[in-house]
Amino acid sequence: MLFDIRPKTQLKDLFDREKEIDELRQSLELGEPLVIIYGMRRVGKTSLLRACLNEFGYPYVLIDVREIFEEHGYVTRSHLYEQMARFFTSNLEFFEKLGFRIKDLLKRAKAFQVSGIGIEVNPSVNVDVTSIFRIFNDWARGHNTRFVVAFDEAQYLRFSGATRYDGIFAWSYDNLENLTIIVTGSEVGVLRDFLKLDNPKAPLYGRYVREILLGKFTPEQSREFLKEGFNELGTNIPDHEIDEVVDKLDGIPGWLTLYGYYHGVQKLDHRRALEKVFETGSKLIMEELEKIIAPSRQRYLAILEAIIHGATRWTQIKTYVEYRTRTRIADKNFTDLLKKLVKYGVIEKQEDQYKITDPLIVHAIKAIVS
């Protein structure tokens, strides 16, 4: 259902993403080697990725890089292989339905052990990522198909020590004709910096990359999403309530879904459901935000507070921050602070004005500084 709060796994549960679905399908049909799916958090990147890969019919492996980083604080090849092994084990039936015997494939990959209960990592073997990719590619070529390796929240691969994944992706691009790598990223600027797409000295520079951007819903899309979601549940809600939700949640599918879940599934009344979204969502937002602003927390909070109070231009924001923190800030240092918030998707720059991307960030910051 539309108001399922977990990532979607079927195309029928994706709302109004036909354009993005077609782009991803076309990219795989054309055999494009590298696809990037961008978008702020909670716009549905993981849902798009999982639903498409589940239904397009290509064998694939999906790695949640953020999960690895959150658990370990860094990302090693062993961590990647462990996730691959778990993914293959839990999806053996899926691959069998496609006619692919994953166990036969992985017998060639020394990083894995095939047991009676599934796939495990071989702890005594140190295998390069490129070797694993080559095996996937050779196997796909023998079966006249493509193999997809997908990295969700791929910007966390930058915590992989000496391993250069931009170089590995470039090598795969040049040498593995039956392998497609898909990466997603909610910290758009960070992901682009990590891949170094605009750096003439970097491995991926100058190569064609399919870039798919998932944006927020428009007000009309938001209304239709809510109406269709409540229709699935056999519930009708007044237009004025829908209008208030659309106005307050600014087209972010994750928050609209959470409201629908609280109101339509848990049966909270409209007012309490909306309050609950802001309560729960603000806690999630602050957990994420604190990690970003920790190096200069007072200044970052002052920047966000300035924007909330209507300062949208560089000079206005800087003036407010220096007044609020009672310190002088060098122009370059202040610009770096703004750039970091843009890279991490906390704020966005439109022409010469800055705007906070998520209304729940505004709510969370107001609660802190009030």
Protein backbone atom coordinates (compact mmCIF):
# COMPACT_ATOMS: atom_id res chain seq x y z
CA MET A 1 0.00 0.00 0.00
CA LEU A 2 1.07 3.59 -0.52
CA PHE A 3 1.17 4.25 3.22
CA ASP A 4 3.53 1.35 3.98
CA ILE A 5 6.34 3.03 5.93
CA ARG A 6 8.94 0.52 4.73
CA PRO A 7 10.72 0.92 1.36
CA LYS A 8 8.51 -0.25 -1.48
CA THR A 9 9.40 -3.46 -3.32
CA GLN A 10 6.82 -3.47 -6.13
CA LEU A 11 6.34 -1.02 -8.95
CA LYS A 12 2.59 -0.82 -8.31
CA ASP A 13 3.35 0.75 -4.93
CA LEU A 14 5.40 3.60 -6.43
CA PHE A 15 3.33 6.73 -6.91
CA ASP A 16 3.84 8.90 -9.98
CA ARG A 17 7.42 7.81 -10.67
CA GLU A 18 6.80 6.50 -14.21
CA LYS A 19 9.38 8.84 -15.73
CA GLU A 20 12.13 7.69 -13.35
CA ILE A 21 11.14 4.01 -13.73
CA ASP A 22 11.33 4.32 -17.52
CA GLU A 23 14.72 6.03 -17.30
CA LEU A 24 16.17 3.26 -15.17
CA ARG A 25 14.64 0.54 -17.35
CA GLN A 26 16.00 2.20 -20.50
CA SER A 27 19.44 2.54 -18.97
CA LEU A 28 19.64 -1.18 -18.22
CA GLU A 29 18.22 -2.16 -21.60
CA LEU A 30 20.89 -0.03 -23.29
CA GLY A 31 23.58 -1.66 -21.17
CA GLU A 32 24.78 1.59 -19.59
CA PRO A 33 27.57 0.89 -17.11
CA LEU A 34 26.93 3.50 -14.39
CA VAL A 35 23.70 5.01 -13.07
CA ILE A 36 23.36 7.57 -10.28
CA ILE A 37 20.04 8.14 -8.51
CA TYR A 38 20.03 11.44 -6.63
CA GLY A 39 17.53 12.98 -4.25
CA MET A 40 17.16 14.33 -0.75
CA ARG A 41 16.36 11.90 2.04
CA ARG A 42 12.86 10.44 2.10
CA VAL A 43 11.94 11.15 -1.52
CA GLY A 44 11.92 7.42 -2.33
CA LYS A 45 15.30 6.52 -3.87
CA THR A 46 15.53 3.19 -2.08
CA SER A 47 11.92 2.36 -2.97
CA LEU A 48 12.54 3.17 -6.63
CA LEU A 49 15.70 1.09 -6.68
CA ARG A 50 14.28 -1.96 -4.91
CA ALA A 51 10.99 -2.03 -6.79
CA CYS A 52 12.67 -1.70 -10.18
CA LEU A 53 15.31 -4.32 -9.53
CA ASN A 54 12.73 -6.72 -8.09
CA GLU A 55 10.57 -6.50 -11.20
CA PHE A 56 12.91 -5.81 -14.12
CA GLY A 57 14.16 -9.40 -14.10
CA TYR A 58 17.91 -8.79 -13.90
CA PRO A 59 20.03 -10.62 -11.34
CA TYR A 60 21.41 -8.13 -8.84
CA VAL A 61 22.92 -7.52 -5.44
CA LEU A 62 21.96 -4.54 -3.27
CA ILE A 63 24.30 -3.15 -0.62
CA ASP A 64 23.17 -0.60 1.99
CA VAL A 65 26.42 1.27 2.56
CA ARG A 66 24.95 3.59 5.15
CA GLU A 67 23.93 0.60 7.28
CA ILE A 68 27.51 -0.66 7.22
CA PHE A 69 28.89 2.75 8.20
CA GLU A 70 26.35 3.25 10.99
CA GLU A 71 27.23 -0.15 12.44
CA HIS A 72 31.02 -0.06 12.09
CA GLY A 73 32.05 3.56 11.52
CA TYR A 74 33.93 2.59 8.35
CA VAL A 75 33.40 0.39 5.30
CA THR A 76 35.72 -2.50 4.40
CA ARG A 77 35.58 -5.03 1.61
CA SER A 78 34.67 -7.67 4.20
CA HIS A 79 31.67 -5.59 5.24
CA LEU A 80 30.55 -5.34 1.61
CA TYR A 81 30.98 -9.08 1.09
CA GLU A 82 29.03 -9.85 4.28
CA GLN A 83 26.11 -7.79 3.00
CA MET A 84 26.33 -9.48 -0.39
CA ALA A 85 26.27 -12.90 1.29
CA ARG A 86 23.22 -11.98 3.38
CA PHE A 87 21.45 -10.56 0.34
CA PHE A 88 22.07 -13.67 -1.75
CA THR A 89 21.00 -15.98 1.09
CA SER A 90 17.75 -14.13 1.69
CA ASN A 91 16.95 -13.94 -2.04
CA LEU A 92 17.78 -17.45 -3.21
CA GLU A 93 14.13 -18.11 -4.12
CA PHE A 94 13.98 -14.88 -6.15
CA PHE A 95 17.00 -15.89 -8.20
CA GLU A 96 15.67 -19.42 -8.69
CA LYS A 97 12.46 -17.95 -10.12
CA LEU A 98 14.54 -15.97 -12.60
CA GLY A 99 16.30 -19.17 -13.60
CA PHE A 100 19.63 -18.14 -12.07
CA ARG A 101 21.47 -20.46 -9.69
CA ILE A 102 23.38 -18.03 -7.53
CA LYS A 103 25.11 -20.85 -5.66
CA ASP A 104 26.69 -22.02 -8.92
CA LEU A 105 27.92 -18.49 -9.60
CA LEU A 106 29.40 -17.99 -6.15
CA LYS A 107 31.30 -21.27 -6.17
CA ARG A 108 33.71 -19.42 -8.47
CA ALA A 109 34.01 -16.46 -6.09
CA LYS A 110 36.55 -17.40 -3.44
CA ALA A 111 35.33 -14.65 -1.13
CA PHE A 112 32.19 -16.72 -0.48
CA GLN A 113 31.40 -20.16 0.87
CA VAL A 114 28.31 -22.04 -0.29
CA SER A 115 26.77 -24.08 2.52
CA GLY A 116 23.57 -25.99 2.93
CA ILE A 117 21.87 -23.03 4.57
CA GLY A 118 23.03 -20.29 2.23
CA ILE A 119 25.98 -18.07 1.39
CA GLU A 120 28.72 -17.08 3.82
CA VAL A 121 31.88 -15.00 3.57
CA ASN A 122 35.11 -16.96 3.50
CA PRO A 123 37.14 -15.23 6.26
CA SER A 124 40.47 -16.71 5.17
CA VAL A 125 40.42 -15.31 1.64
CA ASN A 126 41.30 -11.75 0.64
CA VAL A 127 39.68 -11.04 -2.73
CA ASP A 128 39.66 -7.75 -4.64
CA VAL A 129 36.35 -6.09 -5.44
CA THR A 130 37.29 -6.09 -9.12
CA SER A 131 37.61 -9.89 -9.03
CA ILE A 132 34.08 -10.20 -7.67
CA PHE A 133 32.75 -7.81 -10.30
CA ARG A 134 34.52 -9.76 -13.05
CA ILE A 135 32.87 -13.01 -11.92
CA PHE A 136 29.44 -11.35 -11.92
CA ASN A 137 30.10 -9.96 -15.39
CA ASP A 138 31.39 -13.23 -16.88
CA TRP A 139 28.43 -15.12 -15.47
CA ALA A 140 25.96 -12.55 -16.85
CA ARG A 141 27.61 -12.69 -20.27
CA GLY A 142 27.25 -16.48 -20.26
CA HIS A 143 23.55 -16.10 -19.50
CA ASN A 144 23.00 -13.30 -22.04
CA THR A 145 21.86 -10.80 -19.41
CA ARG A 146 23.16 -8.01 -17.23
CA PHE A 147 24.20 -8.18 -13.60
CA VAL A 148 23.47 -5.12 -11.43
CA VAL A 149 25.54 -4.14 -8.41
CA ALA A 150 23.64 -1.46 -6.48
CA PHE A 151 25.08 0.69 -3.67
CA ASP A 152 22.42 2.50 -1.64
CA GLU A 153 23.75 5.72 -0.03
CA ALA A 154 27.02 5.23 -1.85
CA GLN A 155 28.62 8.39 -0.49
CA TYR A 156 29.56 6.38 2.61
CA LEU A 157 32.03 4.43 0.47
CA ARG A 158 34.36 7.37 1.10
CA PHE A 159 35.02 5.75 4.49
CA SER A 160 36.70 2.76 2.83
CA GLY A 161 40.29 3.70 3.60
CA ALA A 162 42.70 3.25 0.72
CA THR A 163 40.16 1.53 -1.57
CA ARG A 164 39.30 3.90 -4.44
CA TYR A 165 35.77 3.07 -5.53
CA ASP A 166 35.69 5.80 -8.15
CA GLY A 167 38.63 4.02 -9.75
CA ILE A 168 36.96 0.62 -9.38
CA PHE A 169 33.79 1.98 -11.00
CA ALA A 170 35.82 3.45 -13.87
CA TRP A 171 37.64 0.13 -14.39
CA SER A 172 34.31 -1.70 -14.41
CA TYR A 173 32.93 0.88 -16.85
CA ASP A 174 35.77 0.18 -19.29
CA ASN A 175 36.09 -3.58 -18.95
CA LEU A 176 32.84 -5.26 -17.86
CA GLU A 177 30.29 -5.07 -20.65
CA ASN A 178 27.57 -7.03 -18.84
CA LEU A 179 27.75 -5.26 -15.48
CA THR A 180 25.87 -2.12 -14.43
CA ILE A 181 26.66 -0.28 -11.22
CA ILE A 182 23.86 1.78 -9.68
CA VAL A 183 24.58 4.19 -6.84
CA THR A 184 22.13 6.29 -4.86
CA GLY A 185 22.84 9.27 -2.65
CA SER A 186 20.81 11.66 -0.52
CA GLU A 187 23.84 13.84 0.24
CA VAL A 188 24.02 14.89 -3.39
CA GLY A 189 27.03 17.19 -3.18
CA VAL A 190 28.95 14.69 -1.08
CA LEU A 191 28.24 11.89 -3.55
CA ARG A 192 29.38 14.00 -6.52
CA ASP A 193 32.54 14.98 -4.65
CA PHE A 194 33.18 11.32 -3.81
CA LEU A 195 32.78 10.19 -7.43
CA LYS A 196 34.78 13.24 -8.63
CA LEU A 197 32.69 13.48 -11.79
CA ASP A 198 33.83 17.06 -12.42
CA ASN A 199 37.52 16.53 -11.66
CA PRO A 200 39.61 16.24 -14.86
CA LYS A 201 42.23 14.22 -12.96
CA ALA A 202 39.73 11.68 -11.58
CA PRO A 203 39.01 8.23 -13.10
CA LEU A 204 35.33 8.85 -13.93
CA TYR A 205 35.80 12.28 -15.48
CA GLY A 206 34.47 12.57 -19.03
CA ARG A 207 32.50 9.32 -19.00
CA TYR A 208 28.79 9.32 -19.71
CA VAL A 209 26.79 8.63 -16.56
CA ARG A 210 23.02 8.24 -16.44
CA GLU A 211 21.81 10.61 -13.72
CA ILE A 212 18.26 10.25 -12.38
CA LEU A 213 16.99 12.93 -10.00
CA LEU A 214 14.07 12.21 -7.69
CA GLY A 215 12.42 15.40 -6.56
CA LYS A 216 9.69 16.27 -4.10
CA PHE A 217 6.07 15.91 -5.11
CA THR A 218 4.33 19.02 -6.40
CA PRO A 219 1.33 20.19 -4.34
CA GLU A 220 -1.01 18.48 -6.82
CA GLN A 221 0.98 15.24 -6.73
CA SER A 222 0.93 15.37 -2.93
CA ARG A 223 -2.85 15.74 -2.89
CA GLU A 224 -3.33 12.86 -5.31
CA PHE A 225 -0.91 10.68 -3.34
CA LEU A 226 -2.82 11.26 -0.10
CA LYS A 227 -6.22 10.75 -1.72
CA GLU A 228 -5.15 7.53 -3.42
CA GLY A 229 -3.53 6.25 -0.23
CA PHE A 230 -6.66 6.85 1.83
CA ASN A 231 -8.82 5.33 -0.93
CA GLU A 232 -6.74 2.14 -0.63
CA LEU A 233 -7.72 2.07 3.04
CA GLY A 234 -11.38 2.83 2.33
CA THR A 235 -11.09 6.17 4.11
CA ASN A 236 -12.02 9.66 3.01
CA ILE A 237 -10.61 12.75 4.67
CA PRO A 238 -11.76 16.35 4.17
CA ASP A 239 -10.03 18.50 1.55
CA HIS A 240 -9.04 21.10 4.14
CA GLU A 241 -7.10 18.47 6.08
CA ILE A 242 -5.33 17.31 2.93
CA ASP A 243 -4.51 20.92 2.06
CA GLU A 244 -2.97 21.48 5.49
CA VAL A 245 -0.81 18.36 5.20
CA VAL A 246 0.34 19.35 1.70
CA ASP A 247 1.20 22.83 2.91
CA LYS A 248 3.11 21.71 5.99
CA LEU A 249 5.03 18.70 4.63
CA ASP A 250 6.23 20.34 1.40
CA GLY A 251 5.93 17.39 -0.95
CA ILE A 252 8.35 15.03 0.80
CA PRO A 253 6.99 11.51 0.14
CA GLY A 254 8.41 10.00 3.32
CA TRP A 255 6.63 12.49 5.57
CA LEU A 256 3.38 12.27 3.57
CA THR A 257 3.53 8.49 3.91
CA LEU A 258 4.14 8.75 7.65
CA TYR A 259 1.14 11.03 8.05
CA GLY A 260 -1.00 8.61 6.05
CA TYR A 261 0.20 5.74 8.23
CA TYR A 262 -0.58 7.54 11.49
CA HIS A 263 -3.97 8.81 10.31
CA GLY A 264 -5.15 5.98 8.05
CA VAL A 265 -3.59 2.90 9.62
CA GLN A 266 -3.12 3.77 13.29
CA LYS A 267 -6.35 5.80 13.23
CA LEU A 268 -4.96 8.88 14.98
CA ASP A 269 -7.06 11.96 14.32
CA HIS A 270 -5.80 14.47 11.77
CA ARG A 271 -4.29 16.91 14.25
CA ARG A 272 -2.51 14.25 16.29
CA ALA A 273 -1.25 12.45 13.18
CA LEU A 274 0.33 15.65 11.87
CA GLU A 275 1.83 16.43 15.26
CA LYS A 276 3.21 12.91 15.43
CA VAL A 277 4.95 13.32 12.07
CA PHE A 278 6.71 16.43 13.34
CA GLU A 279 7.59 14.82 16.68
CA THR A 280 8.98 11.59 15.21
CA GLY A 281 10.48 13.15 12.12
CA SER A 282 12.26 15.91 14.05
CA LYS A 283 14.03 13.33 16.19
CA LEU A 284 15.23 11.48 13.10
CA ILE A 285 16.28 14.75 11.48
CA MET A 286 18.30 15.87 14.50
CA GLU A 287 20.10 12.52 14.79
CA GLU A 288 21.27 12.98 11.20
CA LEU A 289 21.89 16.72 11.50
CA GLU A 290 23.97 16.55 14.68
CA LYS A 291 26.58 14.43 12.89
CA ILE A 292 26.89 17.05 10.17
CA ILE A 293 27.03 20.19 12.33
CA ALA A 294 29.13 18.79 15.20
CA PRO A 295 32.47 20.39 14.07
CA SER A 296 31.01 23.91 14.41
CA ARG A 297 27.61 23.41 15.98
CA GLN A 298 26.98 26.97 17.18
CA ARG A 299 27.69 28.49 13.78
CA TYR A 300 25.68 25.92 11.83
CA LEU A 301 22.68 26.36 14.11
CA ALA A 302 22.96 30.13 13.71
CA ILE A 303 22.98 29.75 9.91
CA LEU A 304 19.82 27.66 9.99
CA GLU A 305 18.21 30.02 12.48
CA ALA A 306 19.02 32.97 10.21
CA ILE A 307 17.34 31.32 7.24
CA ILE A 308 14.29 30.47 9.34
CA HIS A 309 14.05 34.15 10.32
CA GLY A 310 14.08 35.22 6.68
CA ALA A 311 17.75 35.86 5.95
CA THR A 312 18.24 34.13 2.59
CA ARG A 313 21.27 35.83 1.03
CA TRP A 314 24.95 35.28 1.86
CA THR A 315 25.47 38.73 3.39
CA GLN A 316 22.26 38.64 5.43
CA ILE A 317 23.01 35.19 6.83
CA LYS A 318 26.63 36.07 7.68
CA THR A 319 25.58 39.26 9.45
CA TYR A 320 23.05 37.34 11.54
CA VAL A 321 25.51 34.54 12.39
CA GLU A 322 28.23 36.95 13.52
CA TYR A 323 25.70 38.82 15.66
CA ARG A 324 24.29 35.59 17.12
CA THR A 325 27.68 34.00 17.89
CA ARG A 326 29.43 37.29 18.77
CA THR A 327 32.41 36.32 16.61
CA ARG A 328 33.89 37.49 13.33
CA ILE A 329 34.07 34.87 10.60
CA ALA A 330 36.38 35.07 7.60
CA ASP A 331 34.44 35.18 4.33
CA LYS A 332 36.02 31.98 3.03
CA ASN A 333 35.29 30.11 6.26
CA PHE A 334 31.69 31.23 6.21
CA THR A 335 31.28 30.20 2.57
CA ASP A 336 32.69 26.78 3.45
CA LEU A 337 30.07 26.40 6.19
CA LEU A 338 27.27 27.16 3.72
CA LYS A 339 28.74 24.84 1.08
CA LYS A 340 28.84 21.96 3.54
CA LEU A 341 25.17 22.37 4.41
CA VAL A 342 24.34 22.44 0.69
CA LYS A 343 26.46 19.33 0.00
CA TYR A 344 24.69 17.40 2.72
CA GLY A 345 21.27 18.45 1.46
CA VAL A 346 20.34 20.45 4.56
CA ILE A 347 19.90 23.66 2.60
CA GLU A 348 19.71 24.41 -1.11
CA LYS A 349 20.88 27.38 -3.12
CA GLN A 350 18.54 28.78 -5.75
CA GLU A 351 20.20 31.60 -7.66
CA ASP A 352 21.56 33.80 -4.82
CA GLN A 353 19.20 32.65 -2.09
CA TYR A 354 19.42 29.84 0.44
CA LYS A 355 16.49 27.75 1.61
CA ILE A 356 16.09 24.91 4.11
CA THR A 357 15.09 21.78 2.20
CA ASP A 358 12.84 20.07 4.75
CA PRO A 359 10.11 21.64 6.94
CA LEU A 360 10.96 19.20 9.72
CA ILE A 361 14.46 20.68 9.87
CA VAL A 362 12.83 24.03 10.50
CA HIS A 363 10.69 22.49 13.26
CA ALA A 364 13.71 20.79 14.87
CA ILE A 365 15.87 23.93 14.82
CA LYS A 366 13.08 26.07 16.28
CA ALA A 367 12.77 23.62 19.16
CA ILE A 368 16.51 23.89 19.89
CA VAL A 369 16.97 27.65 19.68
CA SER A 370 13.67 28.72 21.25
